[in-house]
Amino acid sequence: MALTITNTEVFKDGDARVMKFDGATSVLTLGSTLVLGTEFTFIGWFALGDTGAFMAVAGFQAPASDSYPLLFSYGATTIYTHDGTSATSVIDADLFDGNWHQVGVVRNGTNVKFYLDGAQTGVDKTLGTNNALSINRIGNRNGAFNYAGKMSDVRAYSGLLTAAEISQMFTNERAKYNV
């Protein structure tokens, strides 16, 4: 799969390989569409910039497309997933503190679970639709909601990780991010 990097700095920070996005023009464009479907896990490490705006980690660039596996909202500290309808989780943590946080979403059909730093946050959520989700870019959604900050170890799994697997992943990786 070809990858086009536009205005995105890639560097090593300690033991972590990091991508830094400017919140305006930074984007990684995938050479082909990655189909996540309706059952997937999308997880990564994020150090969010202070933009006062919505920021999509990944999305689908297409006319009238409004889908993304993970989006952050500044102020309310809300994380979203969206496939035509949204599932949200307001979390009791400041993700815009400049520190690294592991954030993930596990979707099983219309059922959605959000994770923060190795633990489920909030209660299970339900999407109003069961549309399959695809992505073809990292750093924004359909040219909007540009991501500002750093991200690392962003992963998409075609299966469902368990709470124990996500917790173990956090435990194994946290030292790399000084958490």
N, C-alpha and C. Protein backbone atom coordinates (compact mmCIF):
# COMPACT_ATOMS: atom_id res chain seq x y z
N MET A 1 0.85 -1.17 0.00
CA MET A 1 0.00 0.00 0.00
C MET A 1 0.90 1.24 0.00
N ALA A 2 0.69 2.10 -0.96
CA ALA A 2 1.46 3.35 -1.03
C ALA A 2 0.94 4.32 0.02
N LEU A 3 1.81 5.17 0.48
CA LEU A 3 1.47 6.16 1.50
C LEU A 3 2.07 7.49 1.09
N THR A 4 1.24 8.54 1.06
CA THR A 4 1.71 9.87 0.74
C THR A 4 1.68 10.71 2.00
N ILE A 5 2.81 11.28 2.38
CA ILE A 5 2.91 12.11 3.58
C ILE A 5 2.99 13.56 3.15
N THR A 6 2.05 14.38 3.64
CA THR A 6 2.01 15.80 3.30
C THR A 6 2.15 16.64 4.56
N ASN A 7 3.19 17.44 4.64
CA ASN A 7 3.41 18.38 5.75
C ASN A 7 3.30 17.71 7.12
N THR A 8 3.78 16.49 7.23
CA THR A 8 3.73 15.74 8.47
C THR A 8 5.16 15.37 8.85
N GLU A 9 5.57 15.78 10.03
CA GLU A 9 6.91 15.49 10.51
C GLU A 9 6.92 14.10 11.15
N VAL A 10 7.87 13.28 10.76
CA VAL A 10 8.01 11.94 11.33
C VAL A 10 9.39 11.89 11.99
N PHE A 11 9.40 11.52 13.27
CA PHE A 11 10.66 11.50 14.00
C PHE A 11 10.61 10.48 15.12
N LYS A 12 11.75 10.27 15.74
CA LYS A 12 11.85 9.35 16.88
C LYS A 12 11.93 10.19 18.15
N ASP A 13 11.08 9.85 19.12
CA ASP A 13 11.03 10.53 20.40
C ASP A 13 11.26 9.47 21.48
N GLY A 14 12.49 9.37 21.96
CA GLY A 14 12.82 8.28 22.89
C GLY A 14 12.71 6.96 22.15
N ASP A 15 11.87 6.06 22.66
CA ASP A 15 11.67 4.76 22.02
C ASP A 15 10.51 4.77 21.03
N ALA A 16 9.79 5.88 20.95
CA ALA A 16 8.59 5.94 20.11
C ALA A 16 8.87 6.58 18.76
N ARG A 17 8.27 6.04 17.71
CA ARG A 17 8.26 6.69 16.39
C ARG A 17 7.00 7.53 16.35
N VAL A 18 7.15 8.81 16.04
CA VAL A 18 6.08 9.78 16.22
C VAL A 18 5.79 10.51 14.91
N MET A 19 4.51 10.81 14.67
CA MET A 19 4.10 11.68 13.57
C MET A 19 3.53 12.95 14.20
N LYS A 20 3.97 14.11 13.72
CA LYS A 20 3.48 15.38 14.23
C LYS A 20 2.66 16.06 13.14
N PHE A 21 1.43 16.45 13.48
CA PHE A 21 0.50 17.08 12.56
C PHE A 21 0.30 18.54 12.95
N ASP A 22 0.22 19.42 11.94
CA ASP A 22 0.17 20.85 12.21
C ASP A 22 -1.24 21.41 12.42
N GLY A 23 -2.29 20.62 12.24
CA GLY A 23 -3.65 21.10 12.45
C GLY A 23 -4.20 21.87 11.27
N ALA A 24 -3.46 21.93 10.17
CA ALA A 24 -3.91 22.69 9.01
C ALA A 24 -3.76 21.89 7.71
N THR A 25 -2.54 21.50 7.39
CA THR A 25 -2.31 20.85 6.10
C THR A 25 -1.68 19.46 6.21
N SER A 26 -1.38 19.01 7.41
CA SER A 26 -0.75 17.69 7.58
C SER A 26 -1.75 16.57 7.31
N VAL A 27 -1.32 15.59 6.53
CA VAL A 27 -2.18 14.43 6.29
C VAL A 27 -1.32 13.28 5.75
N LEU A 28 -1.70 12.06 6.09
CA LEU A 28 -1.14 10.86 5.49
C LEU A 28 -2.25 10.26 4.64
N THR A 29 -2.01 10.14 3.36
CA THR A 29 -3.02 9.60 2.45
C THR A 29 -2.63 8.17 2.11
N LEU A 30 -3.54 7.23 2.38
CA LEU A 30 -3.29 5.82 2.09
C LEU A 30 -3.47 5.59 0.60
N GLY A 31 -2.68 4.71 0.03
CA GLY A 31 -2.75 4.43 -1.40
C GLY A 31 -4.02 3.73 -1.82
N SER A 32 -4.66 3.06 -0.89
CA SER A 32 -5.94 2.41 -1.16
C SER A 32 -6.78 2.49 0.10
N THR A 33 -8.05 2.22 -0.05
CA THR A 33 -8.98 2.31 1.07
C THR A 33 -8.81 1.13 2.02
N LEU A 34 -8.76 1.43 3.30
CA LEU A 34 -8.72 0.41 4.34
C LEU A 34 -10.15 0.23 4.86
N VAL A 35 -10.74 -0.92 4.60
CA VAL A 35 -12.11 -1.19 5.02
C VAL A 35 -12.08 -1.76 6.44
N LEU A 36 -12.64 -1.00 7.37
CA LEU A 36 -12.73 -1.46 8.75
C LEU A 36 -13.98 -2.30 8.97
N GLY A 37 -15.04 -2.02 8.21
CA GLY A 37 -16.29 -2.76 8.34
C GLY A 37 -17.08 -2.30 9.55
N THR A 38 -17.80 -3.23 10.17
CA THR A 38 -18.62 -2.90 11.34
C THR A 38 -18.10 -3.54 12.62
N GLU A 39 -17.02 -4.32 12.50
CA GLU A 39 -16.40 -4.93 13.68
C GLU A 39 -14.91 -4.67 13.62
N PHE A 40 -14.43 -3.75 14.46
CA PHE A 40 -13.03 -3.38 14.42
C PHE A 40 -12.58 -2.79 15.74
N THR A 41 -11.27 -2.71 15.89
CA THR A 41 -10.63 -1.97 16.99
C THR A 41 -9.72 -0.95 16.35
N PHE A 42 -9.81 0.29 16.78
CA PHE A 42 -8.95 1.38 16.30
C PHE A 42 -8.33 2.00 17.53
N ILE A 43 -7.00 1.96 17.64
CA ILE A 43 -6.35 2.37 18.88
C ILE A 43 -4.99 3.00 18.58
N GLY A 44 -4.56 3.91 19.43
CA GLY A 44 -3.25 4.52 19.25
C GLY A 44 -2.88 5.39 20.43
N TRP A 45 -1.71 6.01 20.30
CA TRP A 45 -1.19 6.93 21.31
C TRP A 45 -1.25 8.34 20.75
N PHE A 46 -1.77 9.29 21.57
CA PHE A 46 -2.02 10.64 21.09
C PHE A 46 -1.56 11.67 22.13
N ALA A 47 -0.90 12.71 21.66
CA ALA A 47 -0.57 13.89 22.47
C ALA A 47 -1.20 15.06 21.71
N LEU A 48 -2.34 15.52 22.19
CA LEU A 48 -3.16 16.46 21.45
C LEU A 48 -2.69 17.90 21.61
N GLY A 49 -2.77 18.65 20.50
CA GLY A 49 -2.48 20.07 20.52
C GLY A 49 -3.68 20.86 21.00
N ASP A 50 -3.46 22.07 21.39
CA ASP A 50 -4.51 22.94 21.92
C ASP A 50 -5.07 23.80 20.79
N THR A 51 -6.08 23.27 20.08
CA THR A 51 -6.60 23.97 18.91
C THR A 51 -7.97 24.59 19.13
N GLY A 52 -8.70 24.15 20.15
CA GLY A 52 -10.05 24.63 20.37
C GLY A 52 -11.01 24.16 19.30
N ALA A 53 -10.77 22.98 18.73
CA ALA A 53 -11.59 22.51 17.62
C ALA A 53 -11.74 20.99 17.66
N PHE A 54 -12.56 20.49 16.73
CA PHE A 54 -12.65 19.05 16.51
C PHE A 54 -11.40 18.58 15.79
N MET A 55 -10.95 17.37 16.08
CA MET A 55 -9.78 16.81 15.41
C MET A 55 -10.03 15.35 15.11
N ALA A 56 -10.03 14.99 13.83
CA ALA A 56 -10.20 13.61 13.41
C ALA A 56 -8.84 12.93 13.29
N VAL A 57 -8.73 11.75 13.85
CA VAL A 57 -7.49 10.97 13.73
C VAL A 57 -7.41 10.37 12.33
N ALA A 58 -8.53 9.88 11.82
CA ALA A 58 -8.56 9.27 10.49
C ALA A 58 -9.95 9.46 9.92
N GLY A 59 -10.06 9.36 8.61
CA GLY A 59 -11.35 9.52 7.97
C GLY A 59 -11.34 9.01 6.55
N PHE A 60 -12.44 9.28 5.88
CA PHE A 60 -12.60 8.84 4.50
C PHE A 60 -12.80 10.05 3.62
N GLN A 61 -11.93 10.23 2.61
CA GLN A 61 -12.01 11.36 1.70
C GLN A 61 -12.86 10.95 0.50
N ALA A 62 -14.08 11.42 0.47
CA ALA A 62 -14.98 11.15 -0.64
C ALA A 62 -16.11 12.18 -0.59
N PRO A 63 -16.73 12.46 -1.73
CA PRO A 63 -17.85 13.40 -1.72
C PRO A 63 -18.93 12.94 -0.74
N ALA A 64 -19.39 13.87 0.06
CA ALA A 64 -20.48 13.64 1.02
C ALA A 64 -20.17 12.58 2.06
N SER A 65 -18.89 12.26 2.26
CA SER A 65 -18.53 11.26 3.26
C SER A 65 -18.46 11.90 4.63
N ASP A 66 -19.01 11.24 5.60
CA ASP A 66 -18.97 11.74 6.96
C ASP A 66 -18.74 10.57 7.90
N SER A 67 -17.59 9.94 7.76
CA SER A 67 -17.30 8.80 8.62
C SER A 67 -15.87 8.90 9.13
N TYR A 68 -15.70 8.47 10.36
CA TYR A 68 -14.38 8.45 10.97
C TYR A 68 -14.41 7.51 12.16
N PRO A 69 -13.31 6.78 12.40
CA PRO A 69 -13.28 5.87 13.53
C PRO A 69 -13.02 6.56 14.86
N LEU A 70 -12.33 7.73 14.85
CA LEU A 70 -11.98 8.38 16.11
C LEU A 70 -11.80 9.88 15.88
N LEU A 71 -12.49 10.68 16.70
CA LEU A 71 -12.42 12.13 16.61
C LEU A 71 -12.43 12.68 18.03
N PHE A 72 -11.63 13.72 18.28
CA PHE A 72 -11.58 14.37 19.58
C PHE A 72 -12.26 15.73 19.50
N SER A 73 -12.97 16.11 20.55
CA SER A 73 -13.59 17.42 20.63
C SER A 73 -12.98 18.20 21.77
N TYR A 74 -12.43 19.36 21.44
CA TYR A 74 -11.79 20.21 22.44
C TYR A 74 -12.85 20.84 23.33
N GLY A 75 -12.55 21.03 24.59
CA GLY A 75 -13.45 21.70 25.52
C GLY A 75 -14.25 20.70 26.33
N ALA A 76 -15.13 19.96 25.65
CA ALA A 76 -15.96 18.97 26.35
C ALA A 76 -15.18 17.69 26.60
N THR A 77 -14.01 17.57 26.05
CA THR A 77 -13.20 16.36 26.10
C THR A 77 -14.07 15.14 25.77
N THR A 78 -14.52 15.14 24.55
CA THR A 78 -15.39 14.08 24.04
C THR A 78 -14.65 13.33 22.95
N ILE A 79 -14.81 12.01 22.93
CA ILE A 79 -14.29 11.22 21.83
C ILE A 79 -15.48 10.64 21.08
N TYR A 80 -15.37 10.60 19.76
CA TYR A 80 -16.47 10.17 18.90
C TYR A 80 -16.02 9.05 17.97
N THR A 81 -17.00 8.27 17.53
CA THR A 81 -16.89 7.45 16.34
C THR A 81 -18.15 7.70 15.55
N HIS A 82 -18.07 7.62 14.22
CA HIS A 82 -19.20 8.06 13.41
C HIS A 82 -19.28 7.26 12.11
N ASP A 83 -20.48 6.79 11.78
CA ASP A 83 -20.69 6.10 10.50
C ASP A 83 -21.96 6.60 9.82
N GLY A 84 -22.34 7.81 10.07
CA GLY A 84 -23.62 8.36 9.63
C GLY A 84 -24.42 8.80 10.84
N THR A 85 -24.22 8.10 11.95
CA THR A 85 -24.68 8.53 13.27
C THR A 85 -23.48 8.43 14.21
N SER A 86 -23.52 9.18 15.29
CA SER A 86 -22.38 9.21 16.19
C SER A 86 -22.61 8.42 17.46
N ALA A 87 -21.52 7.91 18.00
CA ALA A 87 -21.49 7.42 19.37
C ALA A 87 -20.42 8.26 20.07
N THR A 88 -20.72 8.76 21.24
CA THR A 88 -19.78 9.63 21.93
C THR A 88 -19.55 9.17 23.35
N SER A 89 -18.42 9.59 23.90
CA SER A 89 -18.12 9.35 25.30
C SER A 89 -17.44 10.60 25.85
N VAL A 90 -18.08 11.23 26.82
CA VAL A 90 -17.45 12.36 27.50
C VAL A 90 -16.59 11.76 28.61
N ILE A 91 -15.33 12.12 28.62
CA ILE A 91 -14.41 11.52 29.58
C ILE A 91 -13.95 12.55 30.60
N ASP A 92 -13.68 12.06 31.77
CA ASP A 92 -13.26 12.92 32.87
C ASP A 92 -11.74 12.98 32.92
N ALA A 93 -11.16 13.55 31.87
CA ALA A 93 -9.70 13.68 31.78
C ALA A 93 -9.39 14.77 30.79
N ASP A 94 -8.27 15.43 30.97
CA ASP A 94 -7.84 16.47 30.05
C ASP A 94 -6.91 15.85 29.02
N LEU A 95 -7.47 15.50 27.86
CA LEU A 95 -6.65 14.93 26.80
C LEU A 95 -5.79 15.98 26.11
N PHE A 96 -6.10 17.25 26.32
CA PHE A 96 -5.38 18.34 25.66
C PHE A 96 -4.30 18.91 26.58
N ASP A 97 -3.71 18.03 27.39
CA ASP A 97 -2.69 18.47 28.35
C ASP A 97 -1.27 18.35 27.79
N GLY A 98 -1.13 17.93 26.54
CA GLY A 98 0.18 17.79 25.92
C GLY A 98 0.87 16.48 26.25
N ASN A 99 0.29 15.68 27.13
CA ASN A 99 0.86 14.38 27.50
C ASN A 99 0.32 13.29 26.60
N TRP A 100 1.04 12.17 26.55
CA TRP A 100 0.60 11.03 25.77
C TRP A 100 -0.54 10.29 26.46
N HIS A 101 -1.54 9.88 25.67
CA HIS A 101 -2.65 9.05 26.14
C HIS A 101 -2.93 7.99 25.11
N GLN A 102 -3.21 6.78 25.59
CA GLN A 102 -3.66 5.72 24.70
C GLN A 102 -5.18 5.85 24.61
N VAL A 103 -5.71 5.98 23.41
CA VAL A 103 -7.15 6.11 23.21
C VAL A 103 -7.57 5.11 22.15
N GLY A 104 -8.70 4.44 22.39
CA GLY A 104 -9.17 3.46 21.43
C GLY A 104 -10.68 3.34 21.39
N VAL A 105 -11.15 2.76 20.31
CA VAL A 105 -12.57 2.46 20.15
C VAL A 105 -12.68 1.02 19.65
N VAL A 106 -13.61 0.27 20.24
CA VAL A 106 -13.90 -1.09 19.80
C VAL A 106 -15.36 -1.10 19.37
N ARG A 107 -15.58 -1.43 18.11
CA ARG A 107 -16.94 -1.44 17.57
C ARG A 107 -17.32 -2.85 17.17
N ASN A 108 -18.46 -3.29 17.67
CA ASN A 108 -19.03 -4.60 17.35
C ASN A 108 -20.45 -4.35 16.84
N GLY A 109 -20.58 -4.16 15.53
CA GLY A 109 -21.89 -3.81 14.96
C GLY A 109 -22.27 -2.41 15.40
N THR A 110 -23.37 -2.28 16.11
CA THR A 110 -23.79 -0.96 16.60
C THR A 110 -23.30 -0.70 18.02
N ASN A 111 -22.68 -1.67 18.66
CA ASN A 111 -22.16 -1.51 20.02
C ASN A 111 -20.75 -0.94 19.99
N VAL A 112 -20.49 0.11 20.77
CA VAL A 112 -19.20 0.80 20.78
C VAL A 112 -18.70 0.94 22.22
N LYS A 113 -17.41 0.65 22.41
CA LYS A 113 -16.74 0.85 23.69
C LYS A 113 -15.54 1.77 23.45
N PHE A 114 -15.35 2.74 24.35
CA PHE A 114 -14.21 3.65 24.27
C PHE A 114 -13.23 3.32 25.38
N TYR A 115 -11.93 3.49 25.09
CA TYR A 115 -10.88 3.18 26.06
C TYR A 115 -9.93 4.36 26.18
N LEU A 116 -9.50 4.62 27.41
CA LEU A 116 -8.52 5.67 27.70
C LEU A 116 -7.47 5.09 28.63
N ASP A 117 -6.22 5.14 28.22
CA ASP A 117 -5.09 4.69 29.03
C ASP A 117 -5.32 3.29 29.62
N GLY A 118 -5.75 2.38 28.74
CA GLY A 118 -5.86 0.98 29.10
C GLY A 118 -7.14 0.54 29.76
N ALA A 119 -8.09 1.45 30.00
CA ALA A 119 -9.33 1.09 30.67
C ALA A 119 -10.53 1.65 29.92
N GLN A 120 -11.65 0.90 29.98
CA GLN A 120 -12.86 1.39 29.34
C GLN A 120 -13.31 2.66 30.04
N THR A 121 -13.72 3.64 29.26
CA THR A 121 -14.22 4.89 29.82
C THR A 121 -15.69 5.02 29.48
N GLY A 122 -16.49 5.34 30.48
CA GLY A 122 -17.93 5.46 30.26
C GLY A 122 -18.58 4.11 30.06
N VAL A 123 -19.81 4.15 29.60
CA VAL A 123 -20.58 2.94 29.38
C VAL A 123 -20.59 2.61 27.89
N ASP A 124 -20.99 1.38 27.57
CA ASP A 124 -21.14 1.01 26.16
C ASP A 124 -22.10 1.97 25.48
N LYS A 125 -21.81 2.31 24.25
CA LYS A 125 -22.66 3.20 23.46
C LYS A 125 -23.23 2.43 22.28
N THR A 126 -24.32 2.96 21.71
CA THR A 126 -24.96 2.33 20.57
C THR A 126 -25.05 3.32 19.42
N LEU A 127 -24.57 2.88 18.25
CA LEU A 127 -24.73 3.67 17.03
C LEU A 127 -26.15 3.48 16.51
N GLY A 128 -26.69 4.51 15.88
CA GLY A 128 -28.04 4.42 15.33
C GLY A 128 -28.09 3.67 14.02
N THR A 129 -26.94 3.46 13.39
CA THR A 129 -26.88 2.72 12.13
C THR A 129 -25.78 1.67 12.24
N ASN A 130 -25.74 0.78 11.27
CA ASN A 130 -24.72 -0.25 11.26
C ASN A 130 -23.98 -0.21 9.92
N ASN A 131 -23.56 0.99 9.52
CA ASN A 131 -22.84 1.17 8.26
C ASN A 131 -21.39 0.77 8.42
N ALA A 132 -20.83 0.13 7.38
CA ALA A 132 -19.42 -0.23 7.39
C ALA A 132 -18.57 1.03 7.30
N LEU A 133 -17.44 1.02 7.96
CA LEU A 133 -16.55 2.16 8.01
C LEU A 133 -15.27 1.86 7.23
N SER A 134 -14.81 2.84 6.46
CA SER A 134 -13.56 2.74 5.71
C SER A 134 -12.76 4.00 5.95
N ILE A 135 -11.43 3.90 5.82
CA ILE A 135 -10.59 5.09 5.92
C ILE A 135 -9.60 5.09 4.76
N ASN A 136 -9.19 6.28 4.36
CA ASN A 136 -8.13 6.38 3.36
C ASN A 136 -7.18 7.54 3.66
N ARG A 137 -7.26 8.07 4.89
CA ARG A 137 -6.36 9.15 5.29
C ARG A 137 -6.23 9.18 6.81
N ILE A 138 -5.07 9.64 7.25
CA ILE A 138 -4.79 9.83 8.67
C ILE A 138 -4.50 11.33 8.85
N GLY A 139 -5.17 11.96 9.79
CA GLY A 139 -4.90 13.37 10.08
C GLY A 139 -6.07 14.30 9.84
N ASN A 140 -7.11 13.82 9.14
CA ASN A 140 -8.34 14.59 9.02
C ASN A 140 -9.45 13.71 8.46
N ARG A 141 -10.64 14.28 8.37
CA ARG A 141 -11.79 13.57 7.83
C ARG A 141 -12.35 14.39 6.66
N ASN A 142 -12.27 13.86 5.47
CA ASN A 142 -12.82 14.51 4.28
C ASN A 142 -12.31 15.94 4.12
N GLY A 143 -11.02 16.14 4.48
CA GLY A 143 -10.41 17.45 4.33
C GLY A 143 -10.75 18.43 5.43
N ALA A 144 -11.43 17.98 6.47
CA ALA A 144 -11.81 18.86 7.58
C ALA A 144 -11.41 18.21 8.90
N PHE A 145 -11.62 18.90 9.99
CA PHE A 145 -11.30 18.42 11.34
C PHE A 145 -9.84 18.00 11.42
N ASN A 146 -8.95 18.88 10.97
CA ASN A 146 -7.52 18.59 10.92
C ASN A 146 -6.94 18.32 12.30
N TYR A 147 -6.17 17.28 12.39
CA TYR A 147 -5.55 16.87 13.65
C TYR A 147 -4.33 17.75 13.94
N ALA A 148 -4.23 18.21 15.18
CA ALA A 148 -3.07 18.99 15.64
C ALA A 148 -2.47 18.27 16.84
N GLY A 149 -1.21 17.93 16.73
CA GLY A 149 -0.54 17.23 17.82
C GLY A 149 0.27 16.08 17.28
N LYS A 150 0.61 15.15 18.18
CA LYS A 150 1.43 14.01 17.82
C LYS A 150 0.60 12.74 17.96
N MET A 151 0.94 11.74 17.14
CA MET A 151 0.34 10.41 17.29
C MET A 151 1.40 9.37 16.99
N SER A 152 1.20 8.20 17.59
CA SER A 152 2.15 7.11 17.43
C SER A 152 1.43 5.78 17.60
N ASP A 153 1.97 4.76 17.00
CA ASP A 153 1.42 3.39 17.13
C ASP A 153 -0.09 3.34 16.89
N VAL A 154 -0.56 4.04 15.87
CA VAL A 154 -1.98 4.00 15.50
C VAL A 154 -2.22 2.70 14.76
N ARG A 155 -3.22 1.95 15.22
CA ARG A 155 -3.47 0.62 14.67
C ARG A 155 -4.96 0.41 14.40
N ALA A 156 -5.24 -0.31 13.36
CA ALA A 156 -6.61 -0.72 13.05
C ALA A 156 -6.62 -2.24 12.96
N TYR A 157 -7.49 -2.87 13.72
CA TYR A 157 -7.62 -4.32 13.73
C TYR A 157 -8.98 -4.68 13.15
N SER A 158 -9.01 -5.71 12.33
CA SER A 158 -10.28 -6.14 11.76
C SER A 158 -11.10 -6.96 12.76
N GLY A 159 -10.54 -7.21 13.92
CA GLY A 159 -11.25 -7.94 14.96
C GLY A 159 -11.42 -7.09 16.21
N LEU A 160 -12.01 -7.68 17.21
CA LEU A 160 -12.32 -6.98 18.45
C LEU A 160 -11.30 -7.34 19.52
N LEU A 161 -10.54 -6.34 19.97
CA LEU A 161 -9.65 -6.58 21.10
C LEU A 161 -10.49 -6.58 22.38
N THR A 162 -10.10 -7.43 23.32
CA THR A 162 -10.81 -7.48 24.60
C THR A 162 -10.26 -6.39 25.52
N ALA A 163 -11.00 -6.13 26.60
CA ALA A 163 -10.54 -5.16 27.60
C ALA A 163 -9.19 -5.59 28.17
N ALA A 164 -9.00 -6.88 28.38
CA ALA A 164 -7.73 -7.37 28.92
C ALA A 164 -6.59 -7.15 27.93
N GLU A 165 -6.84 -7.35 26.64
CA GLU A 165 -5.80 -7.13 25.64
C GLU A 165 -5.41 -5.65 25.54
N ILE A 166 -6.39 -4.76 25.62
CA ILE A 166 -6.11 -3.33 25.57
C ILE A 166 -5.35 -2.90 26.82
N SER A 167 -5.74 -3.40 27.98
CA SER A 167 -5.04 -3.09 29.22
C SER A 167 -3.59 -3.58 29.16
N GLN A 168 -3.37 -4.78 28.64
CA GLN A 168 -2.02 -5.33 28.52
C GLN A 168 -1.19 -4.52 27.54
N MET A 169 -1.79 -4.07 26.44
CA MET A 169 -1.10 -3.24 25.47
C MET A 169 -0.64 -1.94 26.13
N PHE A 170 -1.52 -1.33 26.92
CA PHE A 170 -1.17 -0.09 27.63
C PHE A 170 0.00 -0.34 28.59
N THR A 171 -0.09 -1.41 29.36
CA THR A 171 0.97 -1.75 30.33
C THR A 171 2.31 -1.97 29.62
N ASN A 172 2.28 -2.67 28.50
CA ASN A 172 3.52 -2.98 27.77
C ASN A 172 4.14 -1.75 27.11
N GLU A 173 3.33 -0.76 26.74
CA GLU A 173 3.82 0.37 25.95
C GLU A 173 3.99 1.67 26.74
N ARG A 174 3.45 1.78 27.92
CA ARG A 174 3.40 3.07 28.64
C ARG A 174 4.76 3.67 28.91
N ALA A 175 5.77 2.86 29.18
CA ALA A 175 7.11 3.40 29.46
C ALA A 175 7.69 4.13 28.24
N LYS A 176 7.34 3.65 27.06
CA LYS A 176 7.82 4.27 25.82
C LYS A 176 7.32 5.71 25.69
N TYR A 177 6.19 6.02 26.36
CA TYR A 177 5.59 7.37 26.29
C TYR A 177 5.69 8.13 27.60
N ASN A 178 6.51 7.63 28.52
CA ASN A 178 6.68 8.26 29.83
C ASN A 178 5.38 8.46 30.58
N VAL A 179 4.54 7.44 30.55
CA VAL A 179 3.24 7.49 31.23
C VAL A 179 3.31 6.61 32.47
